[in-house]
Amino acid sequence: MSSVELDLRRLDPGETPRQGDVAAAADAGAVVVRGPVPALSAVLALLLKAGRSASVPVSWQPTGDRGSVELARELGIGTGAPRDLTLVRDDHGGVLLHHGRVEAPGTGRRSLSRRLGLQAHHDDLKIADGEITRIDVRPDWEAVDTIGVTVMTVPLRPTQRTSGRALQIASDPARIVRDGVAYPRPVTRWTWYADERVRWRLQP
């Protein structure tokens, strides 16, 4: 199997690649991804679906946007040896690499004024039960099979932070954002979890 190079640097903010743009990765022996975080996420989701995330080395050449720069620093892109990393999944077929968010539907500058009725558990701990402003989720690249979760109940007030393997929510219709890309429709249930059964192979 040959190496495949995918140039996805022209993706607009909040845009994910079309299925045809990443399809070649499914049968590749190795993949080089050039583009923002959603480009890398799309390739890893494809490899996960094909059952090949642990066996196909993936190199990433990030763009200069903030999310890509931050994730590249966290992953140590350009340094170290190839390594097998945690894969954070959701129950809608996606993966999460840098930042996920749960919030009330809608966009714009008034996002912090919108409230969402929600119940959430982080592993066995109930972390929300009632109205909140948002939940932020980030993979912890310094730990194994761990995600960090921050619950904002009221804007400009202290937040609650927890660490664990899985986040489960049941809520009023909510907007989900995965690595800067909004899920296409509101949801009432969602799960993010660090899957100990699978890995992805980073070629730094």
N, C-alpha and C. Protein backbone atom coordinates (compact mmCIF):
# COMPACT_ATOMS: atom_id res chain seq x y z
N MET A 1 0.84 -1.20 0.00
CA MET A 1 0.00 0.00 0.00
C MET A 1 0.87 1.25 0.00
N SER A 2 0.50 2.23 -0.78
CA SER A 2 1.31 3.42 -0.92
C SER A 2 0.86 4.49 0.06
N SER A 3 1.73 5.51 0.21
CA SER A 3 1.38 6.65 1.03
C SER A 3 0.48 7.60 0.24
N VAL A 4 -0.47 8.20 0.94
CA VAL A 4 -1.40 9.14 0.33
C VAL A 4 -1.21 10.50 0.98
N GLU A 5 -1.14 11.54 0.16
CA GLU A 5 -1.04 12.90 0.66
C GLU A 5 -2.34 13.64 0.37
N LEU A 6 -2.92 14.25 1.40
CA LEU A 6 -4.18 14.97 1.27
C LEU A 6 -3.95 16.44 1.60
N ASP A 7 -4.13 17.30 0.60
CA ASP A 7 -3.95 18.73 0.80
C ASP A 7 -5.33 19.37 1.02
N LEU A 8 -5.62 19.67 2.29
CA LEU A 8 -6.92 20.21 2.68
C LEU A 8 -6.77 21.59 3.31
N ARG A 9 -5.75 22.30 2.90
CA ARG A 9 -5.46 23.60 3.52
C ARG A 9 -6.46 24.67 3.16
N ARG A 10 -7.30 24.44 2.15
CA ARG A 10 -8.25 25.47 1.74
C ARG A 10 -9.60 25.36 2.44
N LEU A 11 -9.71 24.47 3.40
CA LEU A 11 -10.96 24.37 4.15
C LEU A 11 -11.26 25.70 4.85
N ASP A 12 -12.50 26.13 4.79
CA ASP A 12 -12.91 27.33 5.50
C ASP A 12 -13.09 27.02 6.99
N PRO A 13 -13.00 28.04 7.86
CA PRO A 13 -13.25 27.81 9.28
C PRO A 13 -14.63 27.18 9.49
N GLY A 14 -14.69 26.18 10.33
CA GLY A 14 -15.95 25.50 10.60
C GLY A 14 -16.40 24.52 9.54
N GLU A 15 -15.52 24.24 8.58
CA GLU A 15 -15.87 23.34 7.49
C GLU A 15 -15.13 22.02 7.65
N THR A 16 -15.81 20.92 7.35
CA THR A 16 -15.18 19.61 7.36
C THR A 16 -15.02 19.12 5.92
N PRO A 17 -14.02 18.30 5.63
CA PRO A 17 -13.86 17.84 4.24
C PRO A 17 -15.04 17.02 3.77
N ARG A 18 -15.30 17.06 2.47
CA ARG A 18 -16.28 16.16 1.89
C ARG A 18 -15.73 14.74 1.91
N GLN A 19 -16.61 13.77 1.91
CA GLN A 19 -16.20 12.37 2.01
C GLN A 19 -15.21 12.01 0.90
N GLY A 20 -15.46 12.51 -0.31
CA GLY A 20 -14.57 12.20 -1.41
C GLY A 20 -13.18 12.78 -1.27
N ASP A 21 -13.06 13.85 -0.47
CA ASP A 21 -11.75 14.49 -0.30
C ASP A 21 -10.80 13.64 0.53
N VAL A 22 -11.33 12.74 1.36
CA VAL A 22 -10.47 11.94 2.23
C VAL A 22 -10.57 10.45 1.94
N ALA A 23 -11.38 10.06 0.96
CA ALA A 23 -11.66 8.64 0.71
C ALA A 23 -10.40 7.83 0.43
N ALA A 24 -9.40 8.44 -0.18
CA ALA A 24 -8.18 7.71 -0.54
C ALA A 24 -7.44 7.20 0.69
N ALA A 25 -7.68 7.81 1.85
CA ALA A 25 -6.97 7.39 3.06
C ALA A 25 -7.39 6.00 3.53
N ALA A 26 -8.59 5.56 3.15
CA ALA A 26 -9.12 4.30 3.68
C ALA A 26 -8.25 3.11 3.34
N ASP A 27 -7.61 3.12 2.16
CA ASP A 27 -6.80 1.98 1.71
C ASP A 27 -5.31 2.28 1.69
N ALA A 28 -4.90 3.41 2.25
CA ALA A 28 -3.50 3.81 2.19
C ALA A 28 -2.64 3.06 3.19
N GLY A 29 -1.36 2.96 2.88
CA GLY A 29 -0.41 2.39 3.83
C GLY A 29 0.06 3.41 4.84
N ALA A 30 0.01 4.69 4.48
CA ALA A 30 0.35 5.80 5.34
C ALA A 30 -0.34 7.04 4.77
N VAL A 31 -0.57 8.02 5.62
CA VAL A 31 -1.29 9.22 5.19
C VAL A 31 -0.57 10.46 5.69
N VAL A 32 -0.46 11.45 4.81
CA VAL A 32 0.02 12.78 5.17
C VAL A 32 -1.16 13.74 5.00
N VAL A 33 -1.51 14.43 6.07
CA VAL A 33 -2.64 15.36 6.04
C VAL A 33 -2.11 16.78 6.17
N ARG A 34 -2.43 17.62 5.20
CA ARG A 34 -2.10 19.04 5.27
C ARG A 34 -3.41 19.81 5.44
N GLY A 35 -3.54 20.51 6.56
CA GLY A 35 -4.78 21.24 6.77
C GLY A 35 -5.05 21.49 8.24
N PRO A 36 -6.21 22.08 8.56
CA PRO A 36 -6.57 22.38 9.94
C PRO A 36 -7.03 21.13 10.70
N VAL A 37 -7.38 21.32 11.96
CA VAL A 37 -7.78 20.19 12.81
C VAL A 37 -8.93 19.39 12.20
N PRO A 38 -9.99 20.02 11.64
CA PRO A 38 -11.08 19.20 11.08
C PRO A 38 -10.63 18.27 9.96
N ALA A 39 -9.58 18.64 9.24
CA ALA A 39 -9.06 17.75 8.20
C ALA A 39 -8.47 16.49 8.82
N LEU A 40 -7.68 16.65 9.86
CA LEU A 40 -7.10 15.50 10.55
C LEU A 40 -8.19 14.67 11.21
N SER A 41 -9.18 15.31 11.81
CA SER A 41 -10.29 14.59 12.43
C SER A 41 -11.03 13.73 11.42
N ALA A 42 -11.28 14.28 10.23
CA ALA A 42 -12.02 13.54 9.21
C ALA A 42 -11.26 12.31 8.75
N VAL A 43 -9.95 12.43 8.61
CA VAL A 43 -9.14 11.28 8.20
C VAL A 43 -9.15 10.20 9.28
N LEU A 44 -9.01 10.59 10.53
CA LEU A 44 -9.01 9.60 11.61
C LEU A 44 -10.37 8.94 11.77
N ALA A 45 -11.45 9.69 11.55
CA ALA A 45 -12.79 9.09 11.61
C ALA A 45 -12.95 8.06 10.49
N LEU A 46 -12.40 8.35 9.32
CA LEU A 46 -12.47 7.41 8.21
C LEU A 46 -11.68 6.14 8.51
N LEU A 47 -10.47 6.31 9.04
CA LEU A 47 -9.64 5.15 9.38
C LEU A 47 -10.28 4.33 10.50
N LEU A 48 -10.91 5.01 11.45
CA LEU A 48 -11.60 4.30 12.52
C LEU A 48 -12.73 3.44 11.95
N LYS A 49 -13.52 4.01 11.06
CA LYS A 49 -14.62 3.28 10.45
C LYS A 49 -14.12 2.07 9.67
N ALA A 50 -12.94 2.20 9.05
CA ALA A 50 -12.35 1.10 8.29
C ALA A 50 -11.61 0.10 9.17
N GLY A 51 -11.53 0.37 10.48
CA GLY A 51 -10.81 -0.52 11.39
C GLY A 51 -9.30 -0.46 11.23
N ARG A 52 -8.77 0.69 10.75
CA ARG A 52 -7.34 0.77 10.42
C ARG A 52 -6.63 1.90 11.16
N SER A 53 -7.27 2.53 12.14
CA SER A 53 -6.65 3.68 12.78
C SER A 53 -5.34 3.34 13.48
N ALA A 54 -5.21 2.13 14.00
CA ALA A 54 -4.00 1.74 14.73
C ALA A 54 -2.88 1.30 13.82
N SER A 55 -3.19 0.98 12.57
CA SER A 55 -2.17 0.39 11.69
C SER A 55 -1.66 1.33 10.60
N VAL A 56 -2.32 2.48 10.41
CA VAL A 56 -1.92 3.41 9.36
C VAL A 56 -1.25 4.64 9.98
N PRO A 57 0.05 4.83 9.80
CA PRO A 57 0.71 6.03 10.35
C PRO A 57 0.16 7.28 9.68
N VAL A 58 -0.12 8.29 10.50
CA VAL A 58 -0.66 9.54 10.00
C VAL A 58 0.29 10.68 10.37
N SER A 59 0.75 11.40 9.35
CA SER A 59 1.53 12.62 9.56
C SER A 59 0.62 13.82 9.34
N TRP A 60 0.83 14.86 10.13
CA TRP A 60 -0.01 16.04 10.03
C TRP A 60 0.84 17.28 9.86
N GLN A 61 0.53 18.07 8.84
CA GLN A 61 1.15 19.37 8.64
C GLN A 61 0.08 20.42 8.87
N PRO A 62 0.04 21.00 10.08
CA PRO A 62 -1.07 21.88 10.45
C PRO A 62 -1.00 23.23 9.76
N THR A 63 -2.16 23.87 9.67
CA THR A 63 -2.22 25.24 9.20
C THR A 63 -1.94 26.18 10.38
N GLY A 64 -2.00 27.48 10.13
CA GLY A 64 -1.59 28.44 11.15
C GLY A 64 -2.71 28.98 12.02
N ASP A 65 -3.93 28.41 11.92
CA ASP A 65 -5.01 28.89 12.78
C ASP A 65 -4.75 28.48 14.23
N ARG A 66 -5.44 29.14 15.14
CA ARG A 66 -5.16 28.96 16.57
C ARG A 66 -5.33 27.51 17.03
N GLY A 67 -6.46 26.89 16.63
CA GLY A 67 -6.70 25.52 17.07
C GLY A 67 -5.63 24.56 16.59
N SER A 68 -5.19 24.73 15.33
CA SER A 68 -4.17 23.84 14.80
C SER A 68 -2.83 24.05 15.49
N VAL A 69 -2.48 25.30 15.75
CA VAL A 69 -1.22 25.59 16.44
C VAL A 69 -1.22 24.99 17.84
N GLU A 70 -2.33 25.15 18.54
CA GLU A 70 -2.41 24.61 19.91
C GLU A 70 -2.33 23.09 19.91
N LEU A 71 -3.07 22.43 19.01
CA LEU A 71 -3.04 20.97 18.98
C LEU A 71 -1.67 20.46 18.55
N ALA A 72 -1.05 21.12 17.58
CA ALA A 72 0.28 20.70 17.14
C ALA A 72 1.28 20.76 18.30
N ARG A 73 1.15 21.78 19.13
CA ARG A 73 2.04 21.90 20.29
C ARG A 73 1.76 20.77 21.29
N GLU A 74 0.48 20.49 21.53
CA GLU A 74 0.12 19.44 22.49
C GLU A 74 0.58 18.06 22.02
N LEU A 75 0.53 17.82 20.70
CA LEU A 75 0.93 16.52 20.16
C LEU A 75 2.44 16.42 19.91
N GLY A 76 3.14 17.54 20.00
CA GLY A 76 4.57 17.52 19.72
C GLY A 76 4.86 17.24 18.25
N ILE A 77 4.09 17.87 17.36
CA ILE A 77 4.29 17.65 15.93
C ILE A 77 5.70 18.10 15.54
N GLY A 78 6.40 17.24 14.81
CA GLY A 78 7.77 17.53 14.39
C GLY A 78 8.82 17.05 15.36
N THR A 79 8.42 16.41 16.45
CA THR A 79 9.38 15.94 17.45
C THR A 79 9.06 14.50 17.83
N GLY A 80 10.06 13.81 18.35
CA GLY A 80 9.85 12.48 18.91
C GLY A 80 9.69 11.39 17.87
N ALA A 81 9.37 10.22 18.38
CA ALA A 81 9.22 9.02 17.55
C ALA A 81 7.75 8.77 17.27
N PRO A 82 7.45 7.89 16.30
CA PRO A 82 6.05 7.51 16.08
C PRO A 82 5.45 6.96 17.37
N ARG A 83 4.19 7.25 17.60
CA ARG A 83 3.57 6.80 18.85
C ARG A 83 2.09 6.55 18.64
N ASP A 84 1.56 5.66 19.47
CA ASP A 84 0.14 5.31 19.45
C ASP A 84 -0.59 6.13 20.49
N LEU A 85 -1.65 6.80 20.09
CA LEU A 85 -2.33 7.76 20.93
C LEU A 85 -3.79 7.39 21.16
N THR A 86 -4.32 7.93 22.24
CA THR A 86 -5.74 7.79 22.56
C THR A 86 -6.60 8.30 21.41
N LEU A 87 -7.72 7.65 21.18
CA LEU A 87 -8.69 8.14 20.21
C LEU A 87 -9.98 8.44 20.95
N VAL A 88 -10.36 9.71 20.99
CA VAL A 88 -11.60 10.12 21.63
C VAL A 88 -12.70 10.10 20.58
N ARG A 89 -13.74 9.33 20.84
CA ARG A 89 -14.83 9.12 19.89
C ARG A 89 -16.12 9.71 20.43
N ASP A 90 -17.12 9.79 19.54
CA ASP A 90 -18.47 10.09 19.99
C ASP A 90 -19.41 9.03 19.44
N ASP A 91 -20.64 9.02 19.92
CA ASP A 91 -21.58 7.99 19.51
C ASP A 91 -22.33 8.34 18.22
N HIS A 92 -21.80 9.35 17.49
CA HIS A 92 -22.36 9.71 16.19
C HIS A 92 -21.32 9.52 15.08
N GLY A 93 -20.27 8.75 15.35
CA GLY A 93 -19.31 8.39 14.32
C GLY A 93 -18.14 9.32 14.14
N GLY A 94 -17.99 10.32 15.00
CA GLY A 94 -16.89 11.26 14.86
C GLY A 94 -15.79 11.03 15.87
N VAL A 95 -14.71 11.79 15.72
CA VAL A 95 -13.61 11.78 16.69
C VAL A 95 -13.36 13.22 17.15
N LEU A 96 -12.72 13.35 18.29
CA LEU A 96 -12.42 14.66 18.86
C LEU A 96 -10.94 14.73 19.17
N LEU A 97 -10.28 15.76 18.64
CA LEU A 97 -8.84 15.90 18.82
C LEU A 97 -8.46 17.08 19.71
N HIS A 98 -9.21 18.17 19.61
CA HIS A 98 -8.76 19.38 20.30
C HIS A 98 -9.81 19.96 21.25
N HIS A 99 -11.02 20.23 20.74
CA HIS A 99 -11.99 20.93 21.57
C HIS A 99 -13.41 20.61 21.12
N GLY A 100 -14.21 20.13 22.06
CA GLY A 100 -15.63 19.93 21.81
C GLY A 100 -16.45 20.84 22.70
N ARG A 101 -17.67 21.15 22.25
CA ARG A 101 -18.53 22.03 23.04
C ARG A 101 -19.97 21.59 22.93
N VAL A 102 -20.69 21.71 24.05
CA VAL A 102 -22.13 21.49 24.11
C VAL A 102 -22.74 22.81 24.57
N GLU A 103 -23.71 23.34 23.81
CA GLU A 103 -24.30 24.62 24.15
C GLU A 103 -25.72 24.70 23.60
N ALA A 104 -26.42 25.75 23.97
CA ALA A 104 -27.76 25.97 23.43
C ALA A 104 -27.68 26.28 21.94
N PRO A 105 -28.67 25.90 21.15
CA PRO A 105 -28.64 26.19 19.72
C PRO A 105 -28.55 27.69 19.45
N GLY A 106 -27.96 28.01 18.28
CA GLY A 106 -27.80 29.41 17.89
C GLY A 106 -26.34 29.76 17.79
N THR A 107 -26.05 30.85 17.13
CA THR A 107 -24.68 31.32 16.97
C THR A 107 -24.64 32.82 17.24
N GLY A 108 -23.44 33.37 17.27
CA GLY A 108 -23.30 34.81 17.42
C GLY A 108 -22.76 35.21 18.78
N ARG A 109 -22.71 36.50 18.99
CA ARG A 109 -22.04 37.06 20.16
C ARG A 109 -22.82 36.84 21.45
N ARG A 110 -24.10 36.51 21.36
CA ARG A 110 -24.90 36.36 22.56
C ARG A 110 -24.93 34.91 23.06
N SER A 111 -23.93 34.11 22.65
CA SER A 111 -23.96 32.69 23.00
C SER A 111 -23.93 32.47 24.51
N LEU A 112 -23.24 33.33 25.25
CA LEU A 112 -23.15 33.14 26.70
C LEU A 112 -24.45 33.50 27.42
N SER A 113 -25.36 34.17 26.73
CA SER A 113 -26.62 34.53 27.37
C SER A 113 -27.67 33.43 27.20
N ARG A 114 -27.40 32.46 26.35
CA ARG A 114 -28.37 31.38 26.13
C ARG A 114 -28.14 30.28 27.16
N ARG A 115 -29.24 29.64 27.58
CA ARG A 115 -29.17 28.61 28.61
C ARG A 115 -29.68 27.30 28.04
N LEU A 116 -29.22 26.22 28.63
CA LEU A 116 -29.55 24.88 28.14
C LEU A 116 -29.86 23.98 29.33
N GLY A 117 -31.03 23.35 29.31
CA GLY A 117 -31.36 22.36 30.33
C GLY A 117 -30.67 21.05 30.03
N LEU A 118 -29.91 20.51 31.01
CA LEU A 118 -29.03 19.38 30.69
C LEU A 118 -28.68 18.60 31.95
N GLN A 119 -28.54 17.30 31.78
CA GLN A 119 -27.95 16.45 32.82
C GLN A 119 -26.74 15.77 32.20
N ALA A 120 -25.63 15.75 32.95
CA ALA A 120 -24.40 15.18 32.42
C ALA A 120 -23.66 14.39 33.48
N HIS A 121 -23.08 13.27 33.06
CA HIS A 121 -22.23 12.45 33.91
C HIS A 121 -20.85 12.32 33.28
N HIS A 122 -19.82 12.49 34.08
CA HIS A 122 -18.44 12.25 33.66
C HIS A 122 -17.98 11.01 34.42
N ASP A 123 -17.92 9.88 33.72
CA ASP A 123 -17.80 8.58 34.35
C ASP A 123 -18.98 8.42 35.34
N ASP A 124 -18.72 8.16 36.61
CA ASP A 124 -19.81 7.95 37.56
C ASP A 124 -20.23 9.23 38.29
N LEU A 125 -19.61 10.35 37.96
CA LEU A 125 -19.87 11.60 38.67
C LEU A 125 -20.89 12.45 37.91
N LYS A 126 -21.96 12.84 38.57
CA LYS A 126 -22.91 13.77 37.96
C LYS A 126 -22.32 15.17 38.03
N ILE A 127 -22.09 15.78 36.87
CA ILE A 127 -21.44 17.08 36.84
C ILE A 127 -22.39 18.22 36.46
N ALA A 128 -23.59 17.89 36.03
CA ALA A 128 -24.57 18.93 35.72
C ALA A 128 -25.97 18.34 35.82
N ASP A 129 -26.90 19.15 36.34
CA ASP A 129 -28.30 18.72 36.44
C ASP A 129 -29.14 19.98 36.57
N GLY A 130 -29.54 20.54 35.44
CA GLY A 130 -30.29 21.78 35.43
C GLY A 130 -29.86 22.65 34.27
N GLU A 131 -30.01 23.95 34.42
CA GLU A 131 -29.64 24.87 33.35
C GLU A 131 -28.16 25.22 33.43
N ILE A 132 -27.50 25.20 32.26
CA ILE A 132 -26.09 25.56 32.18
C ILE A 132 -25.91 26.49 30.98
N THR A 133 -24.70 27.05 30.88
CA THR A 133 -24.36 27.86 29.71
C THR A 133 -23.69 27.01 28.65
N ARG A 134 -22.71 26.20 29.05
CA ARG A 134 -22.04 25.32 28.08
C ARG A 134 -21.17 24.32 28.80
N ILE A 135 -20.76 23.30 28.05
CA ILE A 135 -19.78 22.32 28.50
C ILE A 135 -18.66 22.28 27.46
N ASP A 136 -17.42 22.35 27.92
CA ASP A 136 -16.26 22.24 27.04
C ASP A 136 -15.54 20.93 27.34
N VAL A 137 -15.07 20.27 26.28
CA VAL A 137 -14.42 18.96 26.39
C VAL A 137 -13.10 18.99 25.62
N ARG A 138 -12.04 18.50 26.26
CA ARG A 138 -10.74 18.45 25.60
C ARG A 138 -10.05 17.12 25.91
N PRO A 139 -9.53 16.44 24.89
CA PRO A 139 -8.68 15.28 25.16
C PRO A 139 -7.45 15.71 25.97
N ASP A 140 -7.05 14.87 26.92
CA ASP A 140 -5.86 15.14 27.72
C ASP A 140 -4.71 14.33 27.13
N TRP A 141 -3.83 15.00 26.38
CA TRP A 141 -2.75 14.30 25.69
C TRP A 141 -1.59 13.94 26.61
N GLU A 142 -1.63 14.39 27.86
CA GLU A 142 -0.60 14.01 28.82
C GLU A 142 -1.02 12.81 29.66
N ALA A 143 -2.24 12.34 29.46
CA ALA A 143 -2.76 11.18 30.20
C ALA A 143 -3.16 10.11 29.19
N VAL A 144 -3.59 8.98 29.68
CA VAL A 144 -4.04 7.88 28.83
C VAL A 144 -5.55 7.73 28.96
N ASP A 145 -6.22 7.71 27.82
CA ASP A 145 -7.67 7.48 27.79
C ASP A 145 -8.42 8.42 28.73
N THR A 146 -8.14 9.72 28.57
CA THR A 146 -8.71 10.71 29.49
C THR A 146 -9.18 11.94 28.73
N ILE A 147 -10.36 12.44 29.13
CA ILE A 147 -10.82 13.73 28.64
C ILE A 147 -11.07 14.65 29.81
N GLY A 148 -10.77 15.93 29.62
CA GLY A 148 -11.07 16.94 30.61
C GLY A 148 -12.36 17.64 30.25
N VAL A 149 -13.21 17.88 31.23
CA VAL A 149 -14.52 18.48 31.00
C VAL A 149 -14.67 19.70 31.91
N THR A 150 -15.16 20.80 31.33
CA THR A 150 -15.42 22.02 32.08
C THR A 150 -16.88 22.41 31.91
N VAL A 151 -17.58 22.59 33.01
CA VAL A 151 -18.99 22.99 32.99
C VAL A 151 -19.09 24.45 33.41
N MET A 152 -19.66 25.28 32.51
CA MET A 152 -19.95 26.67 32.86
C MET A 152 -21.44 26.77 33.15
N THR A 153 -21.77 27.02 34.41
CA THR A 153 -23.17 27.14 34.80
C THR A 153 -23.68 28.55 34.56
N VAL A 154 -22.90 29.54 35.01
CA VAL A 154 -23.24 30.95 34.84
C VAL A 154 -22.02 31.68 34.30
N PRO A 155 -22.17 32.52 33.26
CA PRO A 155 -21.02 33.25 32.73
C PRO A 155 -20.31 34.07 33.80
N LEU A 156 -18.98 34.11 33.68
CA LEU A 156 -18.12 34.91 34.55
C LEU A 156 -18.13 34.43 36.00
N ARG A 157 -18.61 33.23 36.22
CA ARG A 157 -18.54 32.61 37.55
C ARG A 157 -17.58 31.42 37.48
N PRO A 158 -17.09 30.93 38.62
CA PRO A 158 -16.17 29.79 38.60
C PRO A 158 -16.80 28.59 37.89
N THR A 159 -15.97 27.86 37.16
CA THR A 159 -16.42 26.68 36.44
C THR A 159 -16.05 25.41 37.21
N GLN A 160 -16.71 24.32 36.85
CA GLN A 160 -16.41 23.02 37.46
C GLN A 160 -15.61 22.20 36.46
N ARG A 161 -14.47 21.68 36.89
CA ARG A 161 -13.61 20.91 36.00
C ARG A 161 -13.44 19.50 36.54
N THR A 162 -13.54 18.53 35.63
CA THR A 162 -13.38 17.13 36.01
C THR A 162 -12.52 16.42 34.96
N SER A 163 -12.02 15.25 35.34
CA SER A 163 -11.18 14.46 34.44
C SER A 163 -11.64 13.01 34.52
N GLY A 164 -11.76 12.37 33.37
CA GLY A 164 -12.20 10.99 33.35
C GLY A 164 -12.22 10.45 31.93
N ARG A 165 -12.90 9.33 31.74
CA ARG A 165 -12.85 8.66 30.44
C ARG A 165 -14.03 9.01 29.55
N ALA A 166 -15.24 9.15 30.11
CA ALA A 166 -16.42 9.29 29.26
C ALA A 166 -17.36 10.36 29.79
N LEU A 167 -17.94 11.13 28.86
CA LEU A 167 -18.95 12.13 29.18
C LEU A 167 -20.25 11.73 28.48
N GLN A 168 -21.34 11.68 29.25
CA GLN A 168 -22.66 11.38 28.69
C GLN A 168 -23.61 12.50 29.06
N ILE A 169 -24.37 12.98 28.07
CA ILE A 169 -25.33 14.04 28.35
C ILE A 169 -26.71 13.65 27.83
N ALA A 170 -27.73 14.16 28.52
CA ALA A 170 -29.11 14.13 28.05
C ALA A 170 -29.63 15.53 28.29
N SER A 171 -30.26 16.13 27.28
CA SER A 171 -30.53 17.56 27.37
C SER A 171 -31.71 17.98 26.51
N ASP A 172 -32.09 19.25 26.67
CA ASP A 172 -32.91 19.90 25.66
C ASP A 172 -32.11 19.91 24.36
N PRO A 173 -32.74 20.18 23.22
CA PRO A 173 -31.97 20.21 21.97
C PRO A 173 -30.73 21.10 22.11
N ALA A 174 -29.58 20.51 21.83
CA ALA A 174 -28.29 21.17 22.06
C ALA A 174 -27.48 21.25 20.77
N ARG A 175 -26.64 22.25 20.70
CA ARG A 175 -25.70 22.41 19.59
C ARG A 175 -24.37 21.78 20.00
N ILE A 176 -23.84 20.92 19.15
CA ILE A 176 -22.57 20.26 19.39
C ILE A 176 -21.54 20.79 18.40
N VAL A 177 -20.38 21.15 18.91
CA VAL A 177 -19.29 21.60 18.04
C VAL A 177 -18.09 20.69 18.28
N ARG A 178 -17.60 20.06 17.19
CA ARG A 178 -16.45 19.16 17.28
C ARG A 178 -15.28 19.77 16.52
N ASP A 179 -14.22 20.12 17.24
CA ASP A 179 -13.03 20.70 16.60
C ASP A 179 -13.39 21.82 15.65
N GLY A 180 -14.29 22.69 16.10
CA GLY A 180 -14.65 23.87 15.33
C GLY A 180 -15.75 23.68 14.32
N VAL A 181 -16.24 22.45 14.15
CA VAL A 181 -17.28 22.15 13.17
C VAL A 181 -18.58 21.80 13.89
N ALA A 182 -19.64 22.55 13.60
CA ALA A 182 -20.93 22.30 14.25
C ALA A 182 -21.58 21.05 13.68
N TYR A 183 -22.10 20.19 14.56
CA TYR A 183 -22.87 19.04 14.11
C TYR A 183 -24.10 19.56 13.37
N PRO A 184 -24.55 18.88 12.30
CA PRO A 184 -25.56 19.47 11.41
C PRO A 184 -26.95 19.66 12.00
N ARG A 185 -27.25 19.07 13.14
CA ARG A 185 -28.59 19.23 13.72
C ARG A 185 -28.50 19.18 15.25
N PRO A 186 -29.46 19.78 15.94
CA PRO A 186 -29.48 19.71 17.40
C PRO A 186 -29.67 18.26 17.86
N VAL A 187 -29.12 17.94 19.03
CA VAL A 187 -29.24 16.60 19.59
C VAL A 187 -29.75 16.71 21.02
N THR A 188 -30.33 15.62 21.50
CA THR A 188 -30.77 15.56 22.90
C THR A 188 -29.95 14.57 23.72
N ARG A 189 -29.14 13.78 23.05
CA ARG A 189 -28.22 12.86 23.74
C ARG A 189 -26.88 12.85 23.01
N TRP A 190 -25.80 12.77 23.79
CA TRP A 190 -24.48 12.77 23.18
C TRP A 190 -23.50 12.11 24.15
N THR A 191 -22.52 11.42 23.60
CA THR A 191 -21.46 10.81 24.40
C THR A 191 -20.11 11.05 23.73
N TRP A 192 -19.14 11.51 24.52
CA TRP A 192 -17.74 11.51 24.11
C TRP A 192 -17.00 10.56 25.04
N TYR A 193 -16.13 9.72 24.48
CA TYR A 193 -15.39 8.80 25.33
C TYR A 193 -14.02 8.48 24.72
N ALA A 194 -13.04 8.35 25.61
CA ALA A 194 -11.71 7.92 25.21
C ALA A 194 -11.74 6.39 25.16
N ASP A 195 -11.68 5.85 23.95
CA ASP A 195 -11.87 4.42 23.75
C ASP A 195 -10.56 3.67 23.97
N GLU A 196 -10.49 2.91 25.06
CA GLU A 196 -9.26 2.17 25.37
C GLU A 196 -9.01 1.02 24.42
N ARG A 197 -9.97 0.68 23.58
CA ARG A 197 -9.83 -0.46 22.66
C ARG A 197 -9.16 -0.08 21.36
N VAL A 198 -9.07 1.20 21.04
CA VAL A 198 -8.50 1.62 19.76
C VAL A 198 -7.46 2.71 19.97
N ARG A 199 -6.58 2.83 19.02
CA ARG A 199 -5.54 3.85 19.03
C ARG A 199 -5.42 4.43 17.63
N TRP A 200 -4.73 5.58 17.52
CA TRP A 200 -4.30 6.06 16.21
C TRP A 200 -2.81 6.31 16.27
N ARG A 201 -2.15 6.10 15.13
CA ARG A 201 -0.70 6.13 15.09
C ARG A 201 -0.21 7.43 14.49
N LEU A 202 0.43 8.24 15.31
CA LEU A 202 0.98 9.53 14.87
C LEU A 202 2.41 9.36 14.40
N GLN A 203 2.68 9.83 13.20
CA GLN A 203 4.04 9.89 12.65
C GLN A 203 4.46 11.37 12.73
N PRO A 204 5.13 11.77 13.81
CA PRO A 204 5.34 13.21 14.04
C PRO A 204 6.32 13.84 13.07
